[in-house]
Amino acid sequence: MAAPIELTREQILSHRRAAGALDRRLPPGPESLRRAAWAGLPDSMPRAALVAIHARVDGTLPGTWEDPSLVQVWGPRFSAYVVAREDAAVFTLGRLPDKGPRRARAETTADQLEAFLAGRTMSYADAGHAMGIDPNMLRYATLTGRVLIRWEGARRPTIWMVPAPGLDPVEARLELARRHLHAFGGSTPAAFGDWAGVKPDRAQAAFDGLATELVPARTPVGDGWILASDEASLRAPAVTPAAVRLLPSGDTYLLAWGRDRGLLVEDARRRDELWTSRVWPGALLVDGEVAGVWRRAGAVVDIDAWRRLSPDERNRVVAEAESLPLPDVAGRLRVRWGGAEAD
C-alpha cells in the first residue's frame, strides 16, 4: 500500500467547498442543479433544500426545488432529500441490503404499496393506515428505488410509485460511496455508514469495492481515504472562498459526526451550538469558515455570530439573508443579531 498523502485542514475544507459549489455560485440550469445535489440536499427542515440550492446556484427562485430535473426521496437515514431525478436510484437503491430480512421487508412493502396505490398519489399516512400498518414502515419501500415523495413542510409527504430502476444495488452503493468521498474530501467506512445510514459491514464492503479508486490519506483528525480522482483538487491551491453563505439546517456540508466535526469547527465549545441535541440550526459561513449559527422564524433571521464581524461582512450577511428565495417572506426578511454581534 502506498504511503498516505498528508492533507491539511485548509486543503480538505477548500476541496469540500469546491466540490459543494460553495465558493462560486453556478449558473442557473439543470446541470448546475445536479451538481449542487451531487451528494443530495437534505430537506427534513421545511425548504432546507431550497436554501441549500440558493447557496450554490445563481438565480434560485422559490420554486427551483420543483424543477423537473429534481425529485424528492426518502434518502440517507430515511430523511427527506432533494436529488437529481437521474440520480434517485443512487440515494435509495444504494442503501438496499444485499440480503436478509431488511431487504425482504423493503421489497415486500414496495410490492404491497404498489398494489394498494394502483397508480394513485396519496398521503403516506393515509396509505399506511388504509393498509393496516404504521405509515413510517412505508419508508422501507424507498430502498427499492420505486417510491418518490413530495413534502412541502406543512403536511405529511405524499407518495407514489415509479418503475424499478435499472441499476444494480451494489453498483448504486459504490456510487453513493463515491459521492460521499467526493463531497467530504476523504472519509472512512464508519463515517460513510453514519452519513448514508447503512450497516458497518455494507459500508466496509463499499470501500472494499472501491479499493482500486482509493488513496490513503492522513488528516488532522485521523487517517482515512480519498478518491484518487480528487487528489489534484485536494492538493490544489485554495480558491478564495465566498464572502458569505447561509447554509440550512442539515446541509450536506455540515453532515459531520465524531472526529470530523473538529475539522469543520476547531473550537470545541462551539460545536454543541451547531450540532445540538435537538434540531440543528443553520450555519453562517464567512470567508469559508463557520462564523456562527442562524435560525428563521417568519420574516426574522436570528444570527448568533461567534466573532465580531466587520461592517462589510455584516452588510454581506444582511444582503445574503434578504436574498433568500422563500415564498412566504420574499423581500421582507430582516436580520436580528445575537452572540458577538448582539445589537
C-alpha atoms as a PDB file:
ATOM      1  CA  MET A   1       0.000   0.000   0.000  1.00  0.00           C
ATOM      2  CA  ALA A   2       1.243   3.462  -0.860  1.00  0.00           C
ATOM      3  CA  ALA A   3       2.161   5.811   1.948  1.00  0.00           C
ATOM      4  CA  PRO A   4      -0.733   8.096   2.961  1.00  0.00           C
ATOM      5  CA  ILE A   5      -0.731  11.571   1.477  1.00  0.00           C
ATOM      6  CA  GLU A   6      -0.653  14.339   4.066  1.00  0.00           C
ATOM      7  CA  LEU A   7      -3.583  16.730   3.923  1.00  0.00           C
ATOM      8  CA  THR A   8      -4.101  19.917   5.914  1.00  0.00           C
ATOM      9  CA  ARG A   9      -7.380  21.197   7.246  1.00  0.00           C
ATOM     10  CA  GLU A  10      -7.250  24.070   4.763  1.00  0.00           C
ATOM     11  CA  GLN A  11      -6.794  21.701   1.805  1.00  0.00           C
ATOM     12  CA  ILE A  12      -9.695  19.484   2.855  1.00  0.00           C
ATOM     13  CA  LEU A  13     -12.129  22.333   3.511  1.00  0.00           C
ATOM     14  CA  SER A  14     -11.136  24.100   0.294  1.00  0.00           C
ATOM     15  CA  HIS A  15     -11.868  20.911  -1.647  1.00  0.00           C
ATOM     16  CA  ARG A  16     -15.188  20.430   0.159  1.00  0.00           C
ATOM     17  CA  ARG A  17     -16.335  23.940  -0.668  1.00  0.00           C
ATOM     18  CA  ALA A  18     -15.298  23.500  -4.291  1.00  0.00           C
ATOM     19  CA  ALA A  19     -16.967  20.081  -4.541  1.00  0.00           C
ATOM     20  CA  GLY A  20     -20.092  21.515  -2.946  1.00  0.00           C
ATOM     21  CA  ALA A  21     -20.206  24.625  -5.170  1.00  0.00           C
ATOM     22  CA  LEU A  22     -19.948  26.912  -2.156  1.00  0.00           C
ATOM     23  CA  ASP A  23     -17.168  29.214  -3.341  1.00  0.00           C
ATOM     24  CA  ARG A  24     -18.822  30.401  -6.539  1.00  0.00           C
ATOM     25  CA  ARG A  25     -22.473  30.107  -7.438  1.00  0.00           C
ATOM     26  CA  LEU A  26     -23.200  28.026 -10.511  1.00  0.00           C
ATOM     27  CA  PRO A  27     -25.229  29.393 -13.439  1.00  0.00           C
ATOM     28  CA  PRO A  28     -28.948  28.506 -13.495  1.00  0.00           C
ATOM     29  CA  GLY A  29     -29.987  25.279 -15.169  1.00  0.00           C
ATOM     30  CA  PRO A  30     -30.427  21.515 -14.711  1.00  0.00           C
ATOM     31  CA  GLU A  31     -26.700  20.737 -14.948  1.00  0.00           C
ATOM     32  CA  SER A  32     -25.966  23.125 -12.095  1.00  0.00           C
ATOM     33  CA  LEU A  33     -28.827  21.729 -10.039  1.00  0.00           C
ATOM     34  CA  ARG A  34     -27.458  18.217 -10.479  1.00  0.00           C
ATOM     35  CA  ARG A  35     -24.010  19.328  -9.391  1.00  0.00           C
ATOM     36  CA  ALA A  36     -25.470  21.170  -6.384  1.00  0.00           C
ATOM     37  CA  ALA A  37     -27.310  17.960  -5.437  1.00  0.00           C
ATOM     38  CA  TRP A  38     -24.371  15.638  -6.219  1.00  0.00           C
ATOM     39  CA  ALA A  39     -24.294  14.384  -2.618  1.00  0.00           C
ATOM     40  CA  GLY A  40     -28.010  15.035  -2.072  1.00  0.00           C
ATOM     41  CA  LEU A  41     -29.737  18.017  -0.477  1.00  0.00           C
ATOM     42  CA  PRO A  42     -31.271  17.197   2.922  1.00  0.00           C
ATOM     43  CA  ASP A  43     -34.798  18.590   3.127  1.00  0.00           C
ATOM     44  CA  SER A  44     -36.082  17.462   6.523  1.00  0.00           C
ATOM     45  CA  MET A  45     -36.483  21.059   7.634  1.00  0.00           C
ATOM     46  CA  PRO A  46     -39.093  22.868   5.503  1.00  0.00           C
ATOM     47  CA  ARG A  47     -37.412  24.244   2.375  1.00  0.00           C
ATOM     48  CA  ALA A  48     -33.899  23.420   3.584  1.00  0.00           C
ATOM     49  CA  ALA A  49     -33.084  22.100   0.115  1.00  0.00           C
ATOM     50  CA  LEU A  50     -34.201  25.385  -1.448  1.00  0.00           C
ATOM     51  CA  VAL A  51     -31.876  27.348   0.841  1.00  0.00           C
ATOM     52  CA  ALA A  52     -29.086  24.894   0.010  1.00  0.00           C
ATOM     53  CA  ILE A  53     -29.661  25.403  -3.720  1.00  0.00           C
ATOM     54  CA  HIS A  54     -29.640  29.180  -3.241  1.00  0.00           C
ATOM     55  CA  ALA A  55     -26.210  28.894  -1.597  1.00  0.00           C
ATOM     56  CA  ARG A  56     -24.903  27.112  -4.696  1.00  0.00           C
ATOM     57  CA  VAL A  57     -26.852  28.179  -7.793  1.00  0.00           C
ATOM     58  CA  ASP A  58     -27.376  31.692  -9.099  1.00  0.00           C
ATOM     59  CA  GLY A  59     -30.903  32.842  -9.864  1.00  0.00           C
ATOM     60  CA  THR A  60     -32.585  30.432  -7.455  1.00  0.00           C
ATOM     61  CA  LEU A  61     -36.331  31.110  -7.219  1.00  0.00           C
ATOM     62  CA  PRO A  62     -38.918  29.937  -4.661  1.00  0.00           C
ATOM     63  CA  GLY A  63     -39.953  27.117  -6.996  1.00  0.00           C
ATOM     64  CA  THR A  64     -36.488  25.950  -8.050  1.00  0.00           C
ATOM     65  CA  TRP A  65     -36.678  22.910  -5.787  1.00  0.00           C
ATOM     66  CA  GLU A  66     -39.567  21.734  -8.002  1.00  0.00           C
ATOM     67  CA  ASP A  67     -37.514  21.846 -11.212  1.00  0.00           C
ATOM     68  CA  PRO A  68     -38.319  18.798 -13.386  1.00  0.00           C
ATOM     69  CA  SER A  69     -34.677  17.714 -13.126  1.00  0.00           C
ATOM     70  CA  LEU A  70     -35.078  17.211  -9.365  1.00  0.00           C
ATOM     71  CA  VAL A  71     -37.145  14.828  -7.226  1.00  0.00           C
ATOM     72  CA  GLN A  72     -37.713  14.212  -3.530  1.00  0.00           C
ATOM     73  CA  VAL A  73     -36.981  10.863  -1.918  1.00  0.00           C
ATOM     74  CA  TRP A  74     -36.535   9.353   1.493  1.00  0.00           C
ATOM     75  CA  GLY A  75     -32.776   9.255   1.254  1.00  0.00           C
ATOM     76  CA  PRO A  76     -29.901   8.548   3.647  1.00  0.00           C
ATOM     77  CA  ARG A  77     -31.088   7.779   7.190  1.00  0.00           C
ATOM     78  CA  PHE A  78     -34.659   7.840   5.745  1.00  0.00           C
ATOM     79  CA  SER A  79     -34.556  11.648   5.792  1.00  0.00           C
ATOM     80  CA  ALA A  80     -36.282  13.730   3.131  1.00  0.00           C
ATOM     81  CA  TYR A  81     -33.836  14.610   0.354  1.00  0.00           C
ATOM     82  CA  VAL A  82     -33.912  16.509  -2.913  1.00  0.00           C
ATOM     83  CA  VAL A  83     -31.751  14.797  -5.544  1.00  0.00           C
ATOM     84  CA  ALA A  84     -31.310  14.896  -9.301  1.00  0.00           C
ATOM     85  CA  ARG A  85     -34.001  12.800 -10.950  1.00  0.00           C
ATOM     86  CA  GLU A  86     -31.392  10.747 -12.810  1.00  0.00           C
ATOM     87  CA  ASP A  87     -29.572  10.035  -9.531  1.00  0.00           C
ATOM     88  CA  ALA A  88     -32.555   8.948  -7.428  1.00  0.00           C
ATOM     89  CA  ALA A  89     -31.537   5.273  -7.519  1.00  0.00           C
ATOM     90  CA  VAL A  90     -28.132   6.099  -6.040  1.00  0.00           C
ATOM     91  CA  PHE A  91     -29.688   7.598  -2.906  1.00  0.00           C
ATOM     92  CA  THR A  92     -32.383   4.931  -2.487  1.00  0.00           C
ATOM     93  CA  LEU A  93     -31.384   1.628  -4.066  1.00  0.00           C
ATOM     94  CA  GLY A  94     -27.807   2.256  -2.943  1.00  0.00           C
ATOM     95  CA  ARG A  95     -28.906   1.624   0.641  1.00  0.00           C
ATOM     96  CA  LEU A  96     -30.759  -1.645  -0.056  1.00  0.00           C
ATOM     97  CA  PRO A  97     -29.208  -4.588   1.851  1.00  0.00           C
ATOM     98  CA  ASP A  98     -27.770  -7.402  -0.239  1.00  0.00           C
ATOM     99  CA  LYS A  99     -29.919  -9.987   1.521  1.00  0.00           C
ATOM    100  CA  GLY A 100     -31.729 -10.774   4.758  1.00  0.00           C
ATOM    101  CA  PRO A 101     -34.951  -9.693   6.450  1.00  0.00           C
ATOM    102  CA  ARG A 102     -34.411  -5.966   5.906  1.00  0.00           C
ATOM    103  CA  ARG A 103     -34.178  -6.449   2.152  1.00  0.00           C
ATOM    104  CA  ALA A 104     -37.192  -8.774   2.164  1.00  0.00           C
ATOM    105  CA  ARG A 105     -39.185  -6.207   4.142  1.00  0.00           C
ATOM    106  CA  ALA A 106     -38.251  -3.440   1.682  1.00  0.00           C
ATOM    107  CA  GLU A 107     -39.275  -5.463  -1.362  1.00  0.00           C
ATOM    108  CA  THR A 108     -42.463  -6.838   0.209  1.00  0.00           C
ATOM    109  CA  THR A 109     -43.513  -3.390   1.429  1.00  0.00           C
ATOM    110  CA  ALA A 110     -42.902  -1.901  -2.020  1.00  0.00           C
ATOM    111  CA  ASP A 111     -44.962  -4.645  -3.666  1.00  0.00           C
ATOM    112  CA  GLN A 112     -47.838  -4.168  -1.217  1.00  0.00           C
ATOM    113  CA  LEU A 113     -47.721  -0.397  -1.562  1.00  0.00           C
ATOM    114  CA  GLU A 114     -47.747  -0.565  -5.350  1.00  0.00           C
ATOM    115  CA  ALA A 115     -50.728  -2.918  -5.307  1.00  0.00           C
ATOM    116  CA  PHE A 116     -52.605  -0.648  -2.903  1.00  0.00           C
ATOM    117  CA  LEU A 117     -51.874   2.648  -4.669  1.00  0.00           C
ATOM    118  CA  ALA A 118     -52.674   1.221  -8.111  1.00  0.00           C
ATOM    119  CA  GLY A 119     -51.222   4.299  -9.798  1.00  0.00           C
ATOM    120  CA  ARG A 120     -52.567   6.812  -7.267  1.00  0.00           C
ATOM    121  CA  THR A 121     -50.723   9.508  -5.335  1.00  0.00           C
ATOM    122  CA  MET A 122     -51.647   9.609  -1.658  1.00  0.00           C
ATOM    123  CA  SER A 123     -50.520  10.851   1.732  1.00  0.00           C
ATOM    124  CA  TYR A 124     -48.214   8.235   3.161  1.00  0.00           C
ATOM    125  CA  ALA A 125     -50.133   8.446   6.430  1.00  0.00           C
ATOM    126  CA  ASP A 126     -53.430   7.703   4.700  1.00  0.00           C
ATOM    127  CA  ALA A 127     -51.848   4.894   2.716  1.00  0.00           C
ATOM    128  CA  GLY A 128     -50.299   3.280   5.754  1.00  0.00           C
ATOM    129  CA  HIS A 129     -53.467   3.438   7.838  1.00  0.00           C
ATOM    130  CA  ALA A 130     -55.554   2.072   4.964  1.00  0.00           C
ATOM    131  CA  MET A 131     -53.085  -0.791   4.569  1.00  0.00           C
ATOM    132  CA  GLY A 132     -53.247  -1.520   8.299  1.00  0.00           C
ATOM    133  CA  ILE A 133     -49.597  -0.743   9.024  1.00  0.00           C
ATOM    134  CA  ASP A 134     -47.618   2.031  10.701  1.00  0.00           C
ATOM    135  CA  PRO A 135     -47.142   4.654   7.943  1.00  0.00           C
ATOM    136  CA  ASN A 136     -43.483   5.015   8.917  1.00  0.00           C
ATOM    137  CA  MET A 137     -42.969   1.415   7.810  1.00  0.00           C
ATOM    138  CA  LEU A 138     -43.614   2.539   4.239  1.00  0.00           C
ATOM    139  CA  ARG A 139     -40.236   4.269   4.274  1.00  0.00           C
ATOM    140  CA  TYR A 140     -38.597   0.871   3.874  1.00  0.00           C
ATOM    141  CA  ALA A 141     -40.087   0.670   0.389  1.00  0.00           C
ATOM    142  CA  THR A 142     -37.891   3.592  -0.664  1.00  0.00           C
ATOM    143  CA  LEU A 143     -34.859   1.269  -0.516  1.00  0.00           C
ATOM    144  CA  THR A 144     -36.095  -0.373  -3.727  1.00  0.00           C
ATOM    145  CA  GLY A 145     -35.912   2.900  -5.656  1.00  0.00           C
ATOM    146  CA  ARG A 146     -39.589   2.584  -6.539  1.00  0.00           C
ATOM    147  CA  VAL A 147     -41.042   5.336  -4.317  1.00  0.00           C
ATOM    148  CA  LEU A 148     -40.952   9.110  -4.780  1.00  0.00           C
ATOM    149  CA  ILE A 149     -42.300  11.635  -2.307  1.00  0.00           C
ATOM    150  CA  ARG A 150     -43.408  15.240  -2.187  1.00  0.00           C
ATOM    151  CA  TRP A 151     -43.128  17.106   1.092  1.00  0.00           C
ATOM    152  CA  GLU A 152     -43.804  20.794   1.467  1.00  0.00           C
ATOM    153  CA  GLY A 153     -43.309  21.011   5.220  1.00  0.00           C
ATOM    154  CA  ALA A 154     -46.833  21.763   6.396  1.00  0.00           C
ATOM    155  CA  ARG A 155     -48.329  18.314   5.844  1.00  0.00           C
ATOM    156  CA  ARG A 156     -47.217  14.709   5.684  1.00  0.00           C
ATOM    157  CA  PRO A 157     -45.489  13.662   2.452  1.00  0.00           C
ATOM    158  CA  THR A 158     -47.469  12.314  -0.459  1.00  0.00           C
ATOM    159  CA  ILE A 159     -46.073   9.231  -2.166  1.00  0.00           C
ATOM    160  CA  TRP A 160     -46.362   7.414  -5.481  1.00  0.00           C
ATOM    161  CA  MET A 161     -44.673   4.544  -7.255  1.00  0.00           C
ATOM    162  CA  VAL A 162     -42.262   4.647 -10.195  1.00  0.00           C
ATOM    163  CA  PRO A 163     -40.720   1.800 -12.205  1.00  0.00           C
ATOM    164  CA  ALA A 164     -37.850  -0.071 -10.580  1.00  0.00           C
ATOM    165  CA  PRO A 165     -34.513   1.488 -11.573  1.00  0.00           C
ATOM    166  CA  GLY A 166     -32.338  -0.434 -13.972  1.00  0.00           C
ATOM    167  CA  LEU A 167     -29.286  -0.240 -11.714  1.00  0.00           C
ATOM    168  CA  ASP A 168     -27.662  -3.000  -9.690  1.00  0.00           C
ATOM    169  CA  PRO A 169     -27.913  -2.222  -5.935  1.00  0.00           C
ATOM    170  CA  VAL A 170     -24.224  -2.937  -5.402  1.00  0.00           C
ATOM    171  CA  GLU A 171     -23.262  -0.501  -8.160  1.00  0.00           C
ATOM    172  CA  ALA A 172     -25.645   2.055  -6.665  1.00  0.00           C
ATOM    173  CA  ARG A 173     -23.953   1.654  -3.268  1.00  0.00           C
ATOM    174  CA  LEU A 174     -20.493   2.079  -4.778  1.00  0.00           C
ATOM    175  CA  GLU A 175     -21.638   5.284  -6.464  1.00  0.00           C
ATOM    176  CA  LEU A 176     -23.168   6.505  -3.202  1.00  0.00           C
ATOM    177  CA  ALA A 177     -19.802   5.929  -1.516  1.00  0.00           C
ATOM    178  CA  ARG A 178     -18.047   7.830  -4.320  1.00  0.00           C
ATOM    179  CA  ARG A 179     -20.414  10.762  -3.837  1.00  0.00           C
ATOM    180  CA  HIS A 180     -19.703  10.737  -0.105  1.00  0.00           C
ATOM    181  CA  LEU A 181     -15.933  10.591  -0.575  1.00  0.00           C
ATOM    182  CA  HIS A 182     -16.005  13.388  -3.149  1.00  0.00           C
ATOM    183  CA  ALA A 183     -18.192  15.656  -1.035  1.00  0.00           C
ATOM    184  CA  PHE A 184     -16.146  15.216   2.127  1.00  0.00           C
ATOM    185  CA  GLY A 185     -12.680  15.143   0.616  1.00  0.00           C
ATOM    186  CA  GLY A 186     -11.803  11.888   2.287  1.00  0.00           C
ATOM    187  CA  SER A 187     -13.580   9.643   4.753  1.00  0.00           C
ATOM    188  CA  THR A 188     -13.755   6.260   6.434  1.00  0.00           C
ATOM    189  CA  PRO A 189     -16.191   3.347   6.171  1.00  0.00           C
ATOM    190  CA  ALA A 190     -17.605   4.270   9.595  1.00  0.00           C
ATOM    191  CA  ALA A 191     -18.255   7.873   8.547  1.00  0.00           C
ATOM    192  CA  PHE A 192     -19.837   6.699   5.306  1.00  0.00           C
ATOM    193  CA  GLY A 193     -22.107   4.371   7.275  1.00  0.00           C
ATOM    194  CA  ASP A 194     -23.195   7.215   9.565  1.00  0.00           C
ATOM    195  CA  TRP A 195     -23.860   9.528   6.624  1.00  0.00           C
ATOM    196  CA  ALA A 196     -25.682   7.018   4.431  1.00  0.00           C
ATOM    197  CA  GLY A 197     -27.450   5.154   7.215  1.00  0.00           C
ATOM    198  CA  VAL A 198     -26.083   1.749   6.203  1.00  0.00           C
ATOM    199  CA  LYS A 199     -24.732  -1.024   8.421  1.00  0.00           C
ATOM    200  CA  PRO A 200     -20.973  -1.174   9.071  1.00  0.00           C
ATOM    201  CA  ASP A 201     -20.487  -4.351   7.025  1.00  0.00           C
ATOM    202  CA  ARG A 202     -22.094  -2.784   3.939  1.00  0.00           C
ATOM    203  CA  ALA A 203     -20.152   0.445   4.422  1.00  0.00           C
ATOM    204  CA  GLN A 204     -16.908  -1.510   4.593  1.00  0.00           C
ATOM    205  CA  ALA A 205     -17.898  -3.608   1.583  1.00  0.00           C
ATOM    206  CA  ALA A 206     -18.452  -0.421  -0.420  1.00  0.00           C
ATOM    207  CA  PHE A 207     -14.962   0.841   0.401  1.00  0.00           C
ATOM    208  CA  ASP A 208     -13.543  -2.587  -0.418  1.00  0.00           C
ATOM    209  CA  GLY A 209     -15.315  -2.448  -3.771  1.00  0.00           C
ATOM    210  CA  LEU A 210     -13.676   0.916  -4.480  1.00  0.00           C
ATOM    211  CA  ALA A 211     -10.199  -0.218  -3.432  1.00  0.00           C
ATOM    212  CA  THR A 212      -8.610   0.478  -6.812  1.00  0.00           C
ATOM    213  CA  GLU A 213     -10.068   4.008  -6.812  1.00  0.00           C
ATOM    214  CA  LEU A 214      -8.876   4.998  -3.334  1.00  0.00           C
ATOM    215  CA  VAL A 215      -5.715   6.560  -1.937  1.00  0.00           C
ATOM    216  CA  PRO A 216      -4.864   6.543   1.797  1.00  0.00           C
ATOM    217  CA  ALA A 217      -4.702   9.962   3.412  1.00  0.00           C
ATOM    218  CA  ARG A 218      -3.598  11.385   6.741  1.00  0.00           C
ATOM    219  CA  THR A 219      -5.632  14.321   8.032  1.00  0.00           C
ATOM    220  CA  PRO A 220      -5.549  16.461  11.185  1.00  0.00           C
ATOM    221  CA  VAL A 221      -8.348  14.296  12.636  1.00  0.00           C
ATOM    222  CA  GLY A 222      -7.007  10.882  11.643  1.00  0.00           C
ATOM    223  CA  ASP A 223      -6.364   8.539   8.753  1.00  0.00           C
ATOM    224  CA  GLY A 224      -8.875   7.874   6.008  1.00  0.00           C
ATOM    225  CA  TRP A 225      -9.290   7.512   2.274  1.00  0.00           C
ATOM    226  CA  ILE A 226      -9.763   9.858  -0.663  1.00  0.00           C
ATOM    227  CA  LEU A 227     -10.754   9.220  -4.256  1.00  0.00           C
ATOM    228  CA  ALA A 228      -7.675   9.117  -6.453  1.00  0.00           C
ATOM    229  CA  SER A 229      -9.570  11.373  -8.866  1.00  0.00           C
ATOM    230  CA  ASP A 230      -9.783  14.029  -6.112  1.00  0.00           C
ATOM    231  CA  GLU A 231      -6.085  14.125  -5.248  1.00  0.00           C
ATOM    232  CA  ALA A 232      -5.323  17.002  -7.610  1.00  0.00           C
ATOM    233  CA  SER A 233      -8.216  19.037  -6.208  1.00  0.00           C
ATOM    234  CA  LEU A 234      -7.087  18.392  -2.644  1.00  0.00           C
ATOM    235  CA  ARG A 235      -3.521  19.431  -3.442  1.00  0.00           C
ATOM    236  CA  ALA A 236      -4.511  22.490  -5.489  1.00  0.00           C
ATOM    237  CA  PRO A 237      -4.021  25.994  -4.090  1.00  0.00           C
ATOM    238  CA  ALA A 238      -7.070  27.138  -2.172  1.00  0.00           C
ATOM    239  CA  VAL A 239      -9.593  29.228  -4.071  1.00  0.00           C
ATOM    240  CA  THR A 240     -10.739  32.442  -2.423  1.00  0.00           C
ATOM    241  CA  PRO A 241     -13.938  31.386  -0.656  1.00  0.00           C
ATOM    242  CA  ALA A 242     -17.265  33.122  -0.995  1.00  0.00           C
ATOM    243  CA  ALA A 243     -17.576  36.006   1.425  1.00  0.00           C
ATOM    244  CA  VAL A 244     -20.856  34.833   2.941  1.00  0.00           C
ATOM    245  CA  ARG A 245     -23.181  31.845   2.677  1.00  0.00           C
ATOM    246  CA  LEU A 246     -26.155  30.865   4.825  1.00  0.00           C
ATOM    247  CA  LEU A 247     -26.355  27.073   4.951  1.00  0.00           C
ATOM    248  CA  PRO A 248     -29.594  25.458   6.124  1.00  0.00           C
ATOM    249  CA  SER A 249     -30.062  23.018   8.962  1.00  0.00           C
ATOM    250  CA  GLY A 250     -28.608  19.658   7.958  1.00  0.00           C
ATOM    251  CA  ASP A 251     -26.830  20.965   4.856  1.00  0.00           C
ATOM    252  CA  THR A 252     -24.548  18.359   3.274  1.00  0.00           C
ATOM    253  CA  TYR A 253     -21.506  20.474   4.157  1.00  0.00           C
ATOM    254  CA  LEU A 254     -22.466  20.190   7.827  1.00  0.00           C
ATOM    255  CA  LEU A 255     -23.286  16.469   7.966  1.00  0.00           C
ATOM    256  CA  ALA A 256     -20.391  15.503  10.201  1.00  0.00           C
ATOM    257  CA  TRP A 257     -20.151  13.116  13.088  1.00  0.00           C
ATOM    258  CA  GLY A 258     -17.427  12.264  15.587  1.00  0.00           C
ATOM    259  CA  ARG A 259     -13.935  13.443  14.805  1.00  0.00           C
ATOM    260  CA  ASP A 260     -14.925  15.188  11.575  1.00  0.00           C
ATOM    261  CA  ARG A 261     -16.756  17.890  13.498  1.00  0.00           C
ATOM    262  CA  GLY A 262     -13.405  19.026  14.837  1.00  0.00           C
ATOM    263  CA  LEU A 263     -12.256  19.627  11.282  1.00  0.00           C
ATOM    264  CA  LEU A 264     -15.164  21.941  10.461  1.00  0.00           C
ATOM    265  CA  VAL A 265     -15.267  23.744  13.819  1.00  0.00           C
ATOM    266  CA  GLU A 266     -11.950  23.832  15.650  1.00  0.00           C
ATOM    267  CA  ASP A 267     -13.344  25.442  18.818  1.00  0.00           C
ATOM    268  CA  ALA A 268     -14.795  22.533  20.799  1.00  0.00           C
ATOM    269  CA  ARG A 269     -17.021  24.922  22.783  1.00  0.00           C
ATOM    270  CA  ARG A 270     -18.815  25.977  19.596  1.00  0.00           C
ATOM    271  CA  ARG A 271     -19.561  22.503  18.241  1.00  0.00           C
ATOM    272  CA  ASP A 272     -22.502  21.937  20.556  1.00  0.00           C
ATOM    273  CA  GLU A 273     -24.040  25.166  19.268  1.00  0.00           C
ATOM    274  CA  LEU A 274     -24.024  23.887  15.686  1.00  0.00           C
ATOM    275  CA  TRP A 275     -24.674  20.183  16.279  1.00  0.00           C
ATOM    276  CA  THR A 276     -27.260  20.439  19.026  1.00  0.00           C
ATOM    277  CA  SER A 277     -29.031  17.528  20.685  1.00  0.00           C
ATOM    278  CA  ARG A 278     -32.274  18.630  19.032  1.00  0.00           C
ATOM    279  CA  VAL A 279     -32.927  20.427  15.728  1.00  0.00           C
ATOM    280  CA  TRP A 280     -29.702  21.766  14.278  1.00  0.00           C
ATOM    281  CA  PRO A 281     -29.569  25.454  13.340  1.00  0.00           C
ATOM    282  CA  GLY A 282     -28.169  26.632  10.033  1.00  0.00           C
ATOM    283  CA  ALA A 283     -24.547  27.715   9.724  1.00  0.00           C
ATOM    284  CA  LEU A 284     -23.147  31.099   8.772  1.00  0.00           C
ATOM    285  CA  LEU A 285     -20.081  30.771   6.531  1.00  0.00           C
ATOM    286  CA  VAL A 286     -17.837  33.826   6.329  1.00  0.00           C
ATOM    287  CA  ASP A 287     -14.724  33.547   4.176  1.00  0.00           C
ATOM    288  CA  GLY A 288     -15.052  29.774   4.202  1.00  0.00           C
ATOM    289  CA  GLU A 289     -15.244  29.353   7.979  1.00  0.00           C
ATOM    290  CA  VAL A 290     -18.268  28.664  10.175  1.00  0.00           C
ATOM    291  CA  ALA A 291     -18.660  32.006  11.938  1.00  0.00           C
ATOM    292  CA  GLY A 292     -21.980  31.469  13.681  1.00  0.00           C
ATOM    293  CA  VAL A 293     -25.390  29.857  13.524  1.00  0.00           C
ATOM    294  CA  TRP A 294     -28.764  31.090  12.344  1.00  0.00           C
ATOM    295  CA  ARG A 295     -32.467  30.330  12.608  1.00  0.00           C
ATOM    296  CA  ARG A 296     -35.532  31.811  10.985  1.00  0.00           C
ATOM    297  CA  ALA A 297     -38.954  32.483  12.470  1.00  0.00           C
ATOM    298  CA  GLY A 298     -41.302  34.105   9.997  1.00  0.00           C
ATOM    299  CA  ALA A 299     -39.641  37.143   8.488  1.00  0.00           C
ATOM    300  CA  VAL A 300     -36.887  37.344  11.117  1.00  0.00           C
ATOM    301  CA  VAL A 301     -33.484  35.717  10.672  1.00  0.00           C
ATOM    302  CA  ASP A 302     -31.688  35.394  14.009  1.00  0.00           C
ATOM    303  CA  ILE A 303     -27.914  35.199  13.612  1.00  0.00           C
ATOM    304  CA  ASP A 304     -25.734  34.236  16.554  1.00  0.00           C
ATOM    305  CA  ALA A 305     -22.267  35.349  15.472  1.00  0.00           C
ATOM    306  CA  TRP A 306     -19.216  33.722  17.033  1.00  0.00           C
ATOM    307  CA  ARG A 307     -16.959  36.722  16.443  1.00  0.00           C
ATOM    308  CA  ARG A 308     -17.193  40.380  15.701  1.00  0.00           C
ATOM    309  CA  LEU A 309     -17.816  40.987  12.010  1.00  0.00           C
ATOM    310  CA  SER A 310     -16.520  43.892  10.005  1.00  0.00           C
ATOM    311  CA  PRO A 311     -19.097  46.404   8.705  1.00  0.00           C
ATOM    312  CA  ASP A 312     -18.631  44.966   5.211  1.00  0.00           C
ATOM    313  CA  GLU A 313     -19.182  41.414   6.499  1.00  0.00           C
ATOM    314  CA  ARG A 314     -22.325  42.487   8.321  1.00  0.00           C
ATOM    315  CA  ASN A 315     -23.676  44.123   5.189  1.00  0.00           C
ATOM    316  CA  ARG A 316     -22.965  40.998   3.151  1.00  0.00           C
ATOM    317  CA  VAL A 317     -24.694  38.791   5.721  1.00  0.00           C
ATOM    318  CA  VAL A 318     -27.766  41.024   5.631  1.00  0.00           C
ATOM    319  CA  ALA A 319     -27.783  41.026   1.822  1.00  0.00           C
ATOM    320  CA  GLU A 320     -27.491  37.232   1.759  1.00  0.00           C
ATOM    321  CA  ALA A 321     -30.362  36.849   4.217  1.00  0.00           C
ATOM    322  CA  GLU A 322     -32.559  39.284   2.308  1.00  0.00           C
ATOM    323  CA  SER A 323     -31.897  37.375  -0.920  1.00  0.00           C
ATOM    324  CA  LEU A 324     -33.213  34.042   0.414  1.00  0.00           C
ATOM    325  CA  PRO A 325     -35.908  32.971  -2.090  1.00  0.00           C
ATOM    326  CA  LEU A 326     -38.503  31.946   0.466  1.00  0.00           C
ATOM    327  CA  PRO A 327     -42.037  32.200  -0.940  1.00  0.00           C
ATOM    328  CA  ASP A 328     -43.728  33.260   2.285  1.00  0.00           C
ATOM    329  CA  VAL A 329     -41.432  36.194   3.131  1.00  0.00           C
ATOM    330  CA  ALA A 330     -39.664  37.165  -0.097  1.00  0.00           C
ATOM    331  CA  GLY A 331     -38.286  40.686   0.208  1.00  0.00           C
ATOM    332  CA  ARG A 332     -39.403  41.109   3.828  1.00  0.00           C
ATOM    333  CA  LEU A 333     -36.704  39.297   5.793  1.00  0.00           C
ATOM    334  CA  ARG A 334     -34.775  41.194   8.436  1.00  0.00           C
ATOM    335  CA  VAL A 335     -31.729  40.172  10.442  1.00  0.00           C
ATOM    336  CA  ARG A 336     -31.612  40.215  14.221  1.00  0.00           C
ATOM    337  CA  TRP A 337     -28.104  39.924  15.616  1.00  0.00           C
ATOM    338  CA  GLY A 338     -27.006  37.904  18.607  1.00  0.00           C
ATOM    339  CA  GLY A 339     -23.836  36.485  20.088  1.00  0.00           C
ATOM    340  CA  ALA A 340     -20.739  38.578  19.414  1.00  0.00           C
ATOM    341  CA  GLU A 341     -22.823  40.879  17.195  1.00  0.00           C
ATOM    342  CA  ALA A 342     -25.724  41.482  19.590  1.00  0.00           C
ATOM    343  CA  ASP A 343     -27.349  44.838  18.864  1.00  0.00           C
END
